[in-house]
PDB file of N, CA and C in Angstrom:
ATOM      1  N   UNK A   1     115.415  54.128  65.948  1.00  0.00           N
ATOM      2  CA  UNK A   1     114.579  53.812  67.077  1.00  0.00           C
ATOM      3  C   UNK A   1     113.106  53.990  66.746  1.00  0.00           C
ATOM      4  N   UNK A   2     112.799  54.880  65.831  1.00  0.00           N
ATOM      5  CA  UNK A   2     111.400  55.077  65.450  1.00  0.00           C
ATOM      6  C   UNK A   2     111.240  54.747  63.980  1.00  0.00           C
ATOM      7  N   UNK A   3     110.053  54.311  63.628  1.00  0.00           N
ATOM      8  CA  UNK A   3     109.800  53.982  62.232  1.00  0.00           C
ATOM      9  C   UNK A   3     109.647  55.232  61.377  1.00  0.00           C
ATOM     10  N   UNK A   4     109.013  56.268  61.913  1.00  0.00           N
ATOM     11  CA  UNK A   4     108.819  57.522  61.192  1.00  0.00           C
ATOM     12  C   UNK A   4     109.349  58.666  62.038  1.00  0.00           C
ATOM     13  N   UNK A   5     109.726  59.765  61.359  1.00  0.00           N
ATOM     14  CA  UNK A   5     110.256  60.912  62.090  1.00  0.00           C
ATOM     15  C   UNK A   5     109.209  61.637  62.906  1.00  0.00           C
ATOM     16  N   UNK A   6     107.938  61.521  62.514  1.00  0.00           N
ATOM     17  CA  UNK A   6     106.913  62.257  63.243  1.00  0.00           C
ATOM     18  C   UNK A   6     106.375  61.497  64.449  1.00  0.00           C
ATOM     19  N   UNK A   7     106.873  60.310  64.706  1.00  0.00           N
ATOM     20  CA  UNK A   7     106.443  59.579  65.897  1.00  0.00           C
ATOM     21  C   UNK A   7     107.036  60.223  67.137  1.00  0.00           C
ATOM     22  N   UNK A   8     106.234  60.281  68.170  1.00  0.00           N
ATOM     23  CA  UNK A   8     106.712  60.831  69.431  1.00  0.00           C
ATOM     24  C   UNK A   8     106.571  59.764  70.501  1.00  0.00           C
ATOM     25  N   UNK A   9     107.433  59.817  71.464  1.00  0.00           N
ATOM     26  CA  UNK A   9     107.394  58.850  72.538  1.00  0.00           C
ATOM     27  C   UNK A   9     108.737  58.825  73.242  1.00  0.00           C
ATOM     28  N   UNK A  10     109.035  57.697  73.851  1.00  0.00           N
ATOM     29  CA  UNK A  10     110.293  57.591  74.562  1.00  0.00           C
ATOM     30  C   UNK A  10     110.776  56.153  74.529  1.00  0.00           C
ATOM     31  N   UNK A  11     112.056  55.997  74.820  1.00  0.00           N
ATOM     32  CA  UNK A  11     112.669  54.682  74.971  1.00  0.00           C
ATOM     33  C   UNK A  11     113.206  54.624  76.386  1.00  0.00           C
ATOM     34  N   UNK A  12     112.959  53.533  77.058  1.00  0.00           N
ATOM     35  CA  UNK A  12     113.416  53.398  78.442  1.00  0.00           C
ATOM     36  C   UNK A  12     114.533  52.385  78.516  1.00  0.00           C
ATOM     37  N   UNK A  13     115.617  52.773  79.197  1.00  0.00           N
ATOM     38  CA  UNK A  13     116.701  51.863  79.505  1.00  0.00           C
ATOM     39  C   UNK A  13     116.289  51.122  80.773  1.00  0.00           C
ATOM     40  N   UNK A  14     116.024  49.832  80.656  1.00  0.00           N
ATOM     41  CA  UNK A  14     115.495  49.076  81.791  1.00  0.00           C
ATOM     42  C   UNK A  14     116.530  48.868  82.886  1.00  0.00           C
ATOM     43  N   UNK A  15     117.802  48.842  82.527  1.00  0.00           N
ATOM     44  CA  UNK A  15     118.844  48.615  83.531  1.00  0.00           C
ATOM     45  C   UNK A  15     119.103  49.879  84.342  1.00  0.00           C
ATOM     46  N   UNK A  16     119.290  51.011  83.661  1.00  0.00           N
ATOM     47  CA  UNK A  16     119.615  52.261  84.342  1.00  0.00           C
ATOM     48  C   UNK A  16     118.371  53.063  84.720  1.00  0.00           C
ATOM     49  N   UNK A  17     117.205  52.651  84.235  1.00  0.00           N
ATOM     50  CA  UNK A  17     115.941  53.342  84.451  1.00  0.00           C
ATOM     51  C   UNK A  17     115.995  54.796  83.989  1.00  0.00           C
ATOM     52  N   UNK A  18     116.553  54.985  82.789  1.00  0.00           N
ATOM     53  CA  UNK A  18     116.632  56.310  82.175  1.00  0.00           C
ATOM     54  C   UNK A  18     115.703  56.323  80.963  1.00  0.00           C
ATOM     55  N   UNK A  19     114.941  57.408  80.799  1.00  0.00           N
ATOM     56  CA  UNK A  19     114.064  57.543  79.650  1.00  0.00           C
ATOM     57  C   UNK A  19     114.676  58.516  78.650  1.00  0.00           C
ATOM     58  N   UNK A  20     114.742  58.111  77.382  1.00  0.00           N
ATOM     59  CA  UNK A  20     115.228  58.950  76.306  1.00  0.00           C
ATOM     60  C   UNK A  20     114.033  59.368  75.466  1.00  0.00           C
ATOM     61  N   UNK A  21     113.793  60.679  75.368  1.00  0.00           N
ATOM     62  CA  UNK A  21     112.632  61.199  74.658  1.00  0.00           C
ATOM     63  C   UNK A  21     112.963  61.431  73.190  1.00  0.00           C
ATOM     64  N   UNK A  22     111.991  61.192  72.319  1.00  0.00           N
ATOM     65  CA  UNK A  22     112.107  61.576  70.921  1.00  0.00           C
ATOM     66  C   UNK A  22     111.831  63.062  70.822  1.00  0.00           C
ATOM     67  N   UNK A  23     112.614  63.758  70.034  1.00  0.00           N
ATOM     68  CA  UNK A  23     112.368  65.171  69.813  1.00  0.00           C
ATOM     69  C   UNK A  23     112.115  65.391  68.332  1.00  0.00           C
ATOM     70  N   UNK A  24     111.420  66.456  68.042  1.00  0.00           N
ATOM     71  CA  UNK A  24     111.098  66.788  66.672  1.00  0.00           C
ATOM     72  C   UNK A  24     112.335  67.353  65.983  1.00  0.00           C
ATOM     73  N   UNK A  25     112.601  66.935  64.753  1.00  0.00           N
ATOM     74  CA  UNK A  25     113.774  67.431  64.029  1.00  0.00           C
ATOM     75  C   UNK A  25     113.631  68.883  63.626  1.00  0.00           C
ATOM     76  N   UNK A  26     112.411  69.420  63.554  1.00  0.00           N
ATOM     77  CA  UNK A  26     112.235  70.813  63.195  1.00  0.00           C
ATOM     78  C   UNK A  26     112.880  71.727  64.230  1.00  0.00           C
ATOM     79  N   UNK A  27     112.823  71.367  65.506  1.00  0.00           N
ATOM     80  CA  UNK A  27     113.452  72.206  66.519  1.00  0.00           C
ATOM     81  C   UNK A  27     114.954  72.222  66.333  1.00  0.00           C
ATOM     82  N   UNK A  28     115.538  71.126  65.901  1.00  0.00           N
ATOM     83  CA  UNK A  28     116.977  71.098  65.662  1.00  0.00           C
ATOM     84  C   UNK A  28     117.353  71.985  64.486  1.00  0.00           C
ATOM     85  N   UNK A  29     116.572  71.960  63.401  1.00  0.00           N
ATOM     86  CA  UNK A  29     116.858  72.801  62.249  1.00  0.00           C
ATOM     87  C   UNK A  29     116.710  74.277  62.593  1.00  0.00           C
ATOM     88  N   UNK A  30     115.664  74.608  63.350  1.00  0.00           N
ATOM     89  CA  UNK A  30     115.456  75.996  63.736  1.00  0.00           C
ATOM     90  C   UNK A  30     116.585  76.475  64.648  1.00  0.00           C
ATOM     91  N   UNK A  31     117.036  75.626  65.539  1.00  0.00           N
ATOM     92  CA  UNK A  31     118.136  75.995  66.423  1.00  0.00           C
ATOM     93  C   UNK A  31     119.428  76.187  65.641  1.00  0.00           C
ATOM     94  N   UNK A  32     119.620  75.378  64.623  1.00  0.00           N
ATOM     95  CA  UNK A  32     120.824  75.493  63.799  1.00  0.00           C
ATOM     96  C   UNK A  32     120.846  76.822  63.062  1.00  0.00           C
ATOM     97  N   UNK A  33     119.724  77.207  62.456  1.00  0.00           N
ATOM     98  CA  UNK A  33     119.667  78.481  61.748  1.00  0.00           C
ATOM     99  C   UNK A  33     119.785  79.662  62.703  1.00  0.00           C
ATOM    100  N   UNK A  34     119.197  79.555  63.878  1.00  0.00           N
ATOM    101  CA  UNK A  34     119.300  80.625  64.872  1.00  0.00           C
ATOM    102  C   UNK A  34     120.735  80.796  65.331  1.00  0.00           C
ATOM    103  N   UNK A  35     121.404  79.698  65.613  1.00  0.00           N
ATOM    104  CA  UNK A  35     122.801  79.769  66.049  1.00  0.00           C
ATOM    105  C   UNK A  35     123.696  80.328  64.945  1.00  0.00           C
ATOM    106  N   UNK A  36     123.471  79.924  63.699  1.00  0.00           N
ATOM    107  CA  UNK A  36     124.270  80.442  62.585  1.00  0.00           C
ATOM    108  C   UNK A  36     124.047  81.943  62.413  1.00  0.00           C
ATOM    109  N   UNK A  37     122.803  82.388  62.535  1.00  0.00           N
ATOM    110  CA  UNK A  37     122.505  83.821  62.416  1.00  0.00           C
ATOM    111  C   UNK A  37     123.185  84.615  63.526  1.00  0.00           C
ATOM    112  N   UNK A  38     123.138  84.116  64.750  1.00  0.00           N
ATOM    113  CA  UNK A  38     123.770  84.812  65.872  1.00  0.00           C
ATOM    114  C   UNK A  38     125.286  84.862  65.685  1.00  0.00           C
ATOM    115  N   UNK A  39     125.889  83.773  65.188  1.00  0.00           N
ATOM    116  CA  UNK A  39     127.334  83.776  64.956  1.00  0.00           C
ATOM    117  C   UNK A  39     127.731  84.788  63.887  1.00  0.00           C
ATOM    118  N   UNK A  40     126.939  84.886  62.834  1.00  0.00           N
ATOM    119  CA  UNK A  40     127.256  85.850  61.770  1.00  0.00           C
ATOM    120  C   UNK A  40     127.123  87.277  62.282  1.00  0.00           C
ATOM    121  N   UNK A  41     126.056  87.568  63.025  1.00  0.00           N
ATOM    122  CA  UNK A  41     125.873  88.913  63.573  1.00  0.00           C
ATOM    123  C   UNK A  41     126.994  89.249  64.548  1.00  0.00           C
ATOM    124  N   UNK A  42     127.383  88.315  65.398  1.00  0.00           N
ATOM    125  CA  UNK A  42     128.459  88.555  66.353  1.00  0.00           C
ATOM    126  C   UNK A  42     129.779  88.824  65.630  1.00  0.00           C
ATOM    127  N   UNK A  43     130.079  88.022  64.598  1.00  0.00           N
ATOM    128  CA  UNK A  43     131.318  88.209  63.845  1.00  0.00           C
ATOM    129  C   UNK A  43     131.346  89.556  63.149  1.00  0.00           C
ATOM    130  N   UNK A  44     130.238  89.933  62.524  1.00  0.00           N
ATOM    131  CA  UNK A  44     130.186  91.234  61.856  1.00  0.00           C
ATOM    132  C   UNK A  44     130.316  92.384  62.852  1.00  0.00           C
ATOM    133  N   UNK A  45     129.712  92.242  64.019  1.00  0.00           N
ATOM    134  CA  UNK A  45     129.811  93.294  65.041  1.00  0.00           C
ATOM    135  C   UNK A  45     131.240  93.460  65.528  1.00  0.00           C
ATOM    136  N   UNK A  46     131.903  92.365  65.842  1.00  0.00           N
ATOM    137  CA  UNK A  46     133.283  92.435  66.328  1.00  0.00           C
ATOM    138  C   UNK A  46     134.209  92.969  65.247  1.00  0.00           C
ATOM    139  N   UNK A  47     134.039  92.523  63.998  1.00  0.00           N
ATOM    140  CA  UNK A  47     134.916  93.010  62.932  1.00  0.00           C
ATOM    141  C   UNK A  47     134.702  94.498  62.677  1.00  0.00           C
ATOM    142  N   UNK A  48     133.457  94.973  62.782  1.00  0.00           N
ATOM    143  CA  UNK A  48     133.199  96.401  62.611  1.00  0.00           C
ATOM    144  C   UNK A  48     133.823  97.205  63.744  1.00  0.00           C
ATOM    145  N   UNK A  49     133.680  96.729  64.962  1.00  0.00           N
ATOM    146  CA  UNK A  49     134.284  97.441  66.096  1.00  0.00           C
ATOM    147  C   UNK A  49     135.801  97.484  65.983  1.00  0.00           C
ATOM    148  N   UNK A  50     136.412  96.386  65.579  1.00  0.00           N
ATOM    149  CA  UNK A  50     137.866  96.374  65.425  1.00  0.00           C
ATOM    150  C   UNK A  50     138.321  97.247  64.263  1.00  0.00           C
ATOM    151  N   UNK A  51     137.547  97.291  63.201  1.00  0.00           N
ATOM    152  CA  UNK A  51     137.898  98.125  62.046  1.00  0.00           C
ATOM    153  C   UNK A  51     137.928  99.595  62.433  1.00  0.00           C
ATOM    154  N   UNK A  52     136.989 100.026  63.268  1.00  0.00           N
ATOM    155  CA  UNK A  52     136.906 101.438  63.626  1.00  0.00           C
ATOM    156  C   UNK A  52     137.742 101.815  64.841  1.00  0.00           C
ATOM    157  N   UNK A  53     138.236 100.838  65.602  1.00  0.00           N
ATOM    158  CA  UNK A  53     138.977 101.177  66.812  1.00  0.00           C
ATOM    159  C   UNK A  53     140.423 100.686  66.784  1.00  0.00           C
ATOM    160  N   UNK A  54     140.917 100.196  65.657  1.00  0.00           N
ATOM    161  CA  UNK A  54     142.281  99.657  65.651  1.00  0.00           C
ATOM    162  C   UNK A  54     143.316 100.749  65.909  1.00  0.00           C
ATOM    163  N   UNK A  55     143.081 101.965  65.464  1.00  0.00           N
ATOM    164  CA  UNK A  55     144.039 103.043  65.704  1.00  0.00           C
ATOM    165  C   UNK A  55     144.139 103.357  67.196  1.00  0.00           C
ATOM    166  N   UNK A  56     143.005 103.398  67.893  1.00  0.00           N
ATOM    167  CA  UNK A  56     143.028 103.663  69.331  1.00  0.00           C
ATOM    168  C   UNK A  56     143.727 102.543  70.086  1.00  0.00           C
ATOM    169  N   UNK A  57     143.575 101.309  69.627  1.00  0.00           N
ATOM    170  CA  UNK A  57     144.238 100.186  70.291  1.00  0.00           C
ATOM    171  C   UNK A  57     145.748 100.322  70.164  1.00  0.00           C
ATOM    172  N   UNK A  58     146.246 100.706  68.981  1.00  0.00           N
ATOM    173  CA  UNK A  58     147.689 100.876  68.795  1.00  0.00           C
ATOM    174  C   UNK A  58     148.230 102.034  69.619  1.00  0.00           C
ATOM    175  N   UNK A  59     147.445 103.095  69.804  1.00  0.00           N
ATOM    176  CA  UNK A  59     147.887 104.230  70.637  1.00  0.00           C
ATOM    177  C   UNK A  59     148.030 103.778  72.087  1.00  0.00           C
ATOM    178  N   UNK A  60     147.069 103.023  72.604  1.00  0.00           N
ATOM    179  CA  UNK A  60     147.126 102.547  73.997  1.00  0.00           C
ATOM    180  C   UNK A  60     148.319 101.618  74.172  1.00  0.00           C
ATOM    181  N   UNK A  61     148.559 100.712  73.235  1.00  0.00           N
ATOM    182  CA  UNK A  61     149.696  99.794  73.344  1.00  0.00           C
ATOM    183  C   UNK A  61     151.001 100.591  73.268  1.00  0.00           C
ATOM    184  N   UNK A  62     151.052 101.576  72.413  1.00  0.00           N
ATOM    185  CA  UNK A  62     152.265 102.404  72.300  1.00  0.00           C
ATOM    186  C   UNK A  62     152.537 103.204  73.558  1.00  0.00           C
ATOM    187  N   UNK A  63     151.485 103.693  74.223  1.00  0.00           N
ATOM    188  CA  UNK A  63     151.682 104.441  75.466  1.00  0.00           C
ATOM    189  C   UNK A  63     152.225 103.540  76.572  1.00  0.00           C
ATOM    190  N   UNK A  64     151.720 102.309  76.660  1.00  0.00           N
ATOM    191  CA  UNK A  64     152.220 101.405  77.682  1.00  0.00           C
ATOM    192  C   UNK A  64     153.657 100.989  77.383  1.00  0.00           C
ATOM    193  N   UNK A  65     153.999 100.866  76.114  1.00  0.00           N
ATOM    194  CA  UNK A  65     155.354 100.478  75.728  1.00  0.00           C
ATOM    195  C   UNK A  65     156.336 101.611  76.011  1.00  0.00           C
ATOM    196  N   UNK A  66     155.914 102.861  75.830  1.00  0.00           N
ATOM    197  CA  UNK A  66     156.792 104.019  76.040  1.00  0.00           C
ATOM    198  C   UNK A  66     157.065 104.235  77.524  1.00  0.00           C
ATOM    199  N   UNK A  67     156.139 103.885  78.397  1.00  0.00           N
ATOM    200  CA  UNK A  67     156.345 104.112  79.830  1.00  0.00           C
ATOM    201  C   UNK A  67     157.214 103.050  80.467  1.00  0.00           C
ATOM    202  N   UNK A  68     157.366 101.904  79.828  1.00  0.00           N
ATOM    203  CA  UNK A  68     158.128 100.806  80.433  1.00  0.00           C
ATOM    204  C   UNK A  68     159.612 100.975  80.240  1.00  0.00           C
TER     205      UNK A  68
END
């Protein structure tokens, strides 16, 4: 739709009267790295919590199983 990536503007759909804006690709790259960083931190946090609390989880499950 644009000749160069640094062009800014919009395209208008004349039938539906909707405007589609051009966005800068740098924001997409920055969002991608931010999302990847957050996913890695979240995964490491959950795996660390599960590593240190797996024994307590088995005790709770065993107590509920023994009472039934």
